[in-house]
Amino acid sequence: QVQLVESGGGLVQPGGSLRLSCVASGITFGLYTMNWYRQAPGKQRELVASINRRGNTNYADSVKGRFTISRDNAKNTVYLQMDSLKPEDTAVYYCKAFETTSWGQGTQVTVSS
């Protein structure tokens, strides 16, 4: 069974930065595309960024140029570096392995002055 543990969220001012981490277990991590999603209050969960096993990345238009996804296969960990944060980035952030059904508990990111 896939287990995912997200961390690194918090309260940050507009223009600030955060780095999220997600440790995965129960899968051969290096073989999976890993995704970061977010869900804001009253909104549907949306895909923010993806990284495949070769390290190729894709981003939602709303975060392109501000967020960077990366992975460390030796540590079974995927990261999301978030810079130039905006209030509209406020959400609970989740990671997920592609084509699996498990979700972690998420980590709250709040961007506010």
C-alpha atoms as a PDB file:
ATOM      1  CA  GLN A   1       0.000   0.000   0.000  1.00  0.00           C
ATOM      2  CA  VAL A   2       1.300   3.409  -0.972  1.00  0.00           C
ATOM      3  CA  GLN A   3       1.884   5.821   1.898  1.00  0.00           C
ATOM      4  CA  LEU A   4       2.612   9.493   1.358  1.00  0.00           C
ATOM      5  CA  VAL A   5       3.672  12.038   3.978  1.00  0.00           C
ATOM      6  CA  GLU A   6       3.728  15.703   3.012  1.00  0.00           C
ATOM      7  CA  SER A   7       5.466  18.419   5.032  1.00  0.00           C
ATOM      8  CA  GLY A   8       6.852  21.934   4.763  1.00  0.00           C
ATOM      9  CA  GLY A   9       3.704  24.028   4.632  1.00  0.00           C
ATOM     10  CA  GLY A  10       3.074  27.108   6.707  1.00  0.00           C
ATOM     11  CA  LEU A  11       2.152  30.776   6.754  1.00  0.00           C
ATOM     12  CA  VAL A  12       4.154  33.024   4.451  1.00  0.00           C
ATOM     13  CA  GLN A  13       3.819  36.597   3.227  1.00  0.00           C
ATOM     14  CA  PRO A  14       3.110  37.376  -0.431  1.00  0.00           C
ATOM     15  CA  GLY A  15       6.327  37.162  -2.409  1.00  0.00           C
ATOM     16  CA  GLY A  16       7.808  34.636  -0.016  1.00  0.00           C
ATOM     17  CA  SER A  17       8.967  31.069  -0.546  1.00  0.00           C
ATOM     18  CA  LEU A  18       8.287  27.601   0.823  1.00  0.00           C
ATOM     19  CA  ARG A  19       9.655  24.164   0.045  1.00  0.00           C
ATOM     20  CA  LEU A  20       7.307  21.228   0.354  1.00  0.00           C
ATOM     21  CA  SER A  21       8.473  17.638   0.726  1.00  0.00           C
ATOM     22  CA  CYS A  22       6.660  14.342   0.213  1.00  0.00           C
ATOM     23  CA  VAL A  23       8.119  11.029   1.313  1.00  0.00           C
ATOM     24  CA  ALA A  24       6.631   7.956  -0.346  1.00  0.00           C
ATOM     25  CA  SER A  25       6.721   4.322   0.748  1.00  0.00           C
ATOM     26  CA  GLY A  26       5.145   1.119  -0.517  1.00  0.00           C
ATOM     27  CA  ILE A  27       6.161   1.705  -4.138  1.00  0.00           C
ATOM     28  CA  THR A  28       9.306   1.489  -6.248  1.00  0.00           C
ATOM     29  CA  PHE A  29       9.526   5.251  -6.158  1.00  0.00           C
ATOM     30  CA  GLY A  30      11.924   5.755  -9.037  1.00  0.00           C
ATOM     31  CA  LEU A  31       9.539   4.114 -11.504  1.00  0.00           C
ATOM     32  CA  TYR A  32       6.620   6.453 -10.865  1.00  0.00           C
ATOM     33  CA  THR A  33       5.609   9.837 -12.134  1.00  0.00           C
ATOM     34  CA  MET A  34       4.959  11.975  -9.060  1.00  0.00           C
ATOM     35  CA  ASN A  35       2.405  14.776  -8.924  1.00  0.00           C
ATOM     36  CA  TRP A  36       1.669  17.703  -6.635  1.00  0.00           C
ATOM     37  CA  TYR A  37      -1.965  18.786  -6.319  1.00  0.00           C
ATOM     38  CA  ARG A  38      -3.638  21.513  -4.312  1.00  0.00           C
ATOM     39  CA  GLN A  39      -7.134  22.182  -3.071  1.00  0.00           C
ATOM     40  CA  ALA A  40      -8.311  25.608  -1.989  1.00  0.00           C
ATOM     41  CA  PRO A  41     -11.433  26.069   0.151  1.00  0.00           C
ATOM     42  CA  GLY A  42     -14.574  25.591  -1.937  1.00  0.00           C
ATOM     43  CA  LYS A  43     -12.615  24.563  -5.020  1.00  0.00           C
ATOM     44  CA  GLN A  44     -11.794  21.292  -6.740  1.00  0.00           C
ATOM     45  CA  ARG A  45      -8.417  19.674  -6.309  1.00  0.00           C
ATOM     46  CA  GLU A  46      -6.109  20.710  -9.150  1.00  0.00           C
ATOM     47  CA  LEU A  47      -2.872  19.362 -10.557  1.00  0.00           C
ATOM     48  CA  VAL A  48      -0.013  21.775  -9.957  1.00  0.00           C
ATOM     49  CA  ALA A  49       3.143  20.004 -11.129  1.00  0.00           C
ATOM     50  CA  SER A  50       4.396  16.624 -12.343  1.00  0.00           C
ATOM     51  CA  ILE A  51       7.771  14.955 -12.683  1.00  0.00           C
ATOM     52  CA  ASN A  52       8.307  11.667 -14.480  1.00  0.00           C
ATOM     53  CA  ARG A  53      10.936   9.061 -13.771  1.00  0.00           C
ATOM     54  CA  ARG A  54      13.320  10.702 -16.235  1.00  0.00           C
ATOM     55  CA  GLY A  55      13.007  14.052 -14.482  1.00  0.00           C
ATOM     56  CA  ASN A  56      10.842  15.699 -17.129  1.00  0.00           C
ATOM     57  CA  THR A  57       8.478  18.235 -15.587  1.00  0.00           C
ATOM     58  CA  ASN A  58       5.140  19.878 -16.317  1.00  0.00           C
ATOM     59  CA  TYR A  59       3.386  22.741 -14.552  1.00  0.00           C
ATOM     60  CA  ALA A  60      -0.024  24.336 -14.392  1.00  0.00           C
ATOM     61  CA  ASP A  61      -0.046  27.715 -16.133  1.00  0.00           C
ATOM     62  CA  SER A  62      -0.869  29.412 -12.836  1.00  0.00           C
ATOM     63  CA  VAL A  63       2.451  28.361 -11.244  1.00  0.00           C
ATOM     64  CA  LYS A  64       4.769  28.180 -14.254  1.00  0.00           C
ATOM     65  CA  GLY A  65       7.949  30.155 -13.617  1.00  0.00           C
ATOM     66  CA  ARG A  66       7.324  30.312  -9.863  1.00  0.00           C
ATOM     67  CA  PHE A  67       7.210  26.664  -8.730  1.00  0.00           C
ATOM     68  CA  THR A  68       9.824  23.963  -9.291  1.00  0.00           C
ATOM     69  CA  ILE A  69       9.221  20.250  -8.810  1.00  0.00           C
ATOM     70  CA  SER A  70      12.149  17.909  -8.209  1.00  0.00           C
ATOM     71  CA  ARG A  71      12.801  14.434  -6.879  1.00  0.00           C
ATOM     72  CA  ASP A  72      15.439  12.466  -4.992  1.00  0.00           C
ATOM     73  CA  ASN A  73      14.942   8.791  -5.787  1.00  0.00           C
ATOM     74  CA  ALA A  74      17.490   7.731  -3.171  1.00  0.00           C
ATOM     75  CA  LYS A  75      15.292   9.331  -0.505  1.00  0.00           C
ATOM     76  CA  ASN A  76      11.916   8.386  -2.041  1.00  0.00           C
ATOM     77  CA  THR A  77      11.085  12.075  -1.889  1.00  0.00           C
ATOM     78  CA  VAL A  78       9.512  14.609  -4.214  1.00  0.00           C
ATOM     79  CA  TYR A  79       9.827  18.345  -3.563  1.00  0.00           C
ATOM     80  CA  LEU A  80       7.942  21.450  -4.573  1.00  0.00           C
ATOM     81  CA  GLN A  81       9.888  24.690  -4.345  1.00  0.00           C
ATOM     82  CA  MET A  82       7.420  27.558  -4.331  1.00  0.00           C
ATOM     83  CA  ASP A  83       8.690  31.094  -4.928  1.00  0.00           C
ATOM     84  CA  SER A  84       6.958  34.444  -5.452  1.00  0.00           C
ATOM     85  CA  LEU A  85       3.949  33.114  -3.593  1.00  0.00           C
ATOM     86  CA  LYS A  86       0.585  34.801  -4.042  1.00  0.00           C
ATOM     87  CA  PRO A  87      -2.529  34.773  -1.851  1.00  0.00           C
ATOM     88  CA  GLU A  88      -4.247  32.640  -4.498  1.00  0.00           C
ATOM     89  CA  ASP A  89      -1.677  29.896  -3.845  1.00  0.00           C
ATOM     90  CA  THR A  90      -3.316  29.331  -0.463  1.00  0.00           C
ATOM     91  CA  ALA A  91      -4.463  25.701  -0.346  1.00  0.00           C
ATOM     92  CA  VAL A  92      -3.786  22.276   1.073  1.00  0.00           C
ATOM     93  CA  TYR A  93      -1.055  20.667  -1.014  1.00  0.00           C
ATOM     94  CA  TYR A  94      -0.935  16.936  -1.678  1.00  0.00           C
ATOM     95  CA  CYS A  95       1.421  14.631  -3.504  1.00  0.00           C
ATOM     96  CA  LYS A  96       0.364  11.500  -5.369  1.00  0.00           C
ATOM     97  CA  ALA A  97       2.010   8.770  -7.393  1.00  0.00           C
ATOM     98  CA  PHE A  98       0.524   8.538 -10.884  1.00  0.00           C
ATOM     99  CA  GLU A  99      -1.867   5.625 -11.421  1.00  0.00           C
ATOM    100  CA  THR A 100      -2.195   4.930  -7.699  1.00  0.00           C
ATOM    101  CA  THR A 101      -5.149   5.810  -5.502  1.00  0.00           C
ATOM    102  CA  SER A 102      -3.547   6.791  -2.203  1.00  0.00           C
ATOM    103  CA  TRP A 103      -3.409  10.338  -0.892  1.00  0.00           C
ATOM    104  CA  GLY A 104      -1.455  11.730   2.022  1.00  0.00           C
ATOM    105  CA  GLN A 105      -2.837  14.040   4.679  1.00  0.00           C
ATOM    106  CA  GLY A 106      -1.651  17.118   2.837  1.00  0.00           C
ATOM    107  CA  THR A 107       0.166  20.196   4.086  1.00  0.00           C
ATOM    108  CA  GLN A 108      -1.455  23.609   4.494  1.00  0.00           C
ATOM    109  CA  VAL A 109       0.048  26.593   2.687  1.00  0.00           C
ATOM    110  CA  THR A 110      -1.303  30.012   3.604  1.00  0.00           C
ATOM    111  CA  VAL A 111      -0.101  33.133   1.813  1.00  0.00           C
ATOM    112  CA  SER A 112      -1.199  36.250   3.643  1.00  0.00           C
ATOM    113  CA  SER A 113       0.143  39.517   4.950  1.00  0.00           C
END
